[in-house]
């Protein structure tokens, strides 16, 4: 398998992991949500931090055992 093929597989697995984490955690305390009239705004800051930490650990483990 070529290098680009492996990169696409890794990116796909990462997106699957992010989707699973996002579905499990959903809205964590610390996520910012505003709703006023017909306008709503949601910024998932805590969810983003959790996903970032998990991805950092995954990338560290991948680089460590490479």
Protein backbone atom coordinates (compact mmCIF):
# COMPACT_ATOMS: atom_id res chain seq x y z
CA UNK A 1 0.00 0.00 0.00
CA UNK A 2 1.32 3.41 -0.88
CA UNK A 3 1.95 6.16 1.63
CA UNK A 4 -1.06 8.20 0.53
CA UNK A 5 -3.34 5.19 0.97
CA UNK A 6 -2.18 4.71 4.56
CA UNK A 7 -2.72 8.40 5.27
CA UNK A 8 -6.31 8.21 4.00
CA UNK A 9 -6.98 5.13 6.13
CA UNK A 10 -5.61 6.84 9.24
CA UNK A 11 -7.64 10.00 8.55
CA UNK A 12 -10.78 7.89 8.08
CA UNK A 13 -10.21 6.04 11.34
CA UNK A 14 -9.65 9.35 13.12
CA UNK A 15 -12.94 10.71 11.76
CA UNK A 16 -14.75 7.56 12.89
CA UNK A 17 -13.28 7.92 16.38
CA UNK A 18 -14.24 11.61 16.52
CA UNK A 19 -17.78 10.75 15.42
CA UNK A 20 -18.11 8.07 18.09
CA UNK A 21 -16.75 10.35 20.81
CA UNK A 22 -19.00 13.19 19.68
CA UNK A 23 -22.02 10.88 19.77
CA UNK A 24 -21.18 9.52 23.22
CA UNK A 25 -20.42 12.82 24.90
CA UNK A 26 -22.74 15.06 22.91
CA UNK A 27 -23.20 18.18 25.01
CA UNK A 28 -20.84 18.39 27.95
CA UNK A 29 -21.03 20.91 30.76
CA UNK A 30 -19.01 23.87 29.55
CA UNK A 31 -20.42 23.83 26.03
CA UNK A 32 -21.78 27.25 25.16
CA UNK A 33 -25.33 27.48 23.79
CA UNK A 34 -27.41 30.56 23.08
CA UNK A 35 -30.91 30.69 21.71
CA UNK A 36 -32.75 33.91 21.06
CA UNK A 37 -35.80 33.89 18.86
CA UNK A 38 -35.08 32.09 15.60
CA UNK A 39 -31.31 32.23 16.06
CA UNK A 40 -29.38 29.59 17.96
CA UNK A 41 -25.64 29.30 18.48
CA UNK A 42 -23.78 26.31 19.91
CA UNK A 43 -20.03 26.21 20.54
CA UNK A 44 -18.91 22.84 21.94
CA UNK A 45 -15.75 24.03 23.73
CA UNK A 46 -15.52 21.21 26.30
CA UNK A 47 -16.31 18.57 23.71
CA UNK A 48 -13.57 20.03 21.51
CA UNK A 49 -11.09 19.91 24.38
CA UNK A 50 -11.96 16.28 25.16
CA UNK A 51 -11.61 15.29 21.49
CA UNK A 52 -8.29 17.16 21.28
CA UNK A 53 -6.87 15.36 24.32
CA UNK A 54 -7.97 11.97 23.03
CA UNK A 55 -6.51 12.63 19.58
CA UNK A 56 -3.26 13.85 21.15
CA UNK A 57 -2.97 10.58 23.06
CA UNK A 58 -3.74 8.56 19.93
CA UNK A 59 -1.14 10.43 17.85
CA UNK A 60 1.42 10.08 20.64
CA UNK A 61 0.83 6.33 20.79
CA UNK A 62 1.04 6.03 17.00
CA UNK A 63 4.34 7.93 16.87
CA UNK A 64 5.72 6.03 19.87
CA UNK A 65 5.15 2.57 18.38
CA UNK A 66 6.08 3.49 14.84
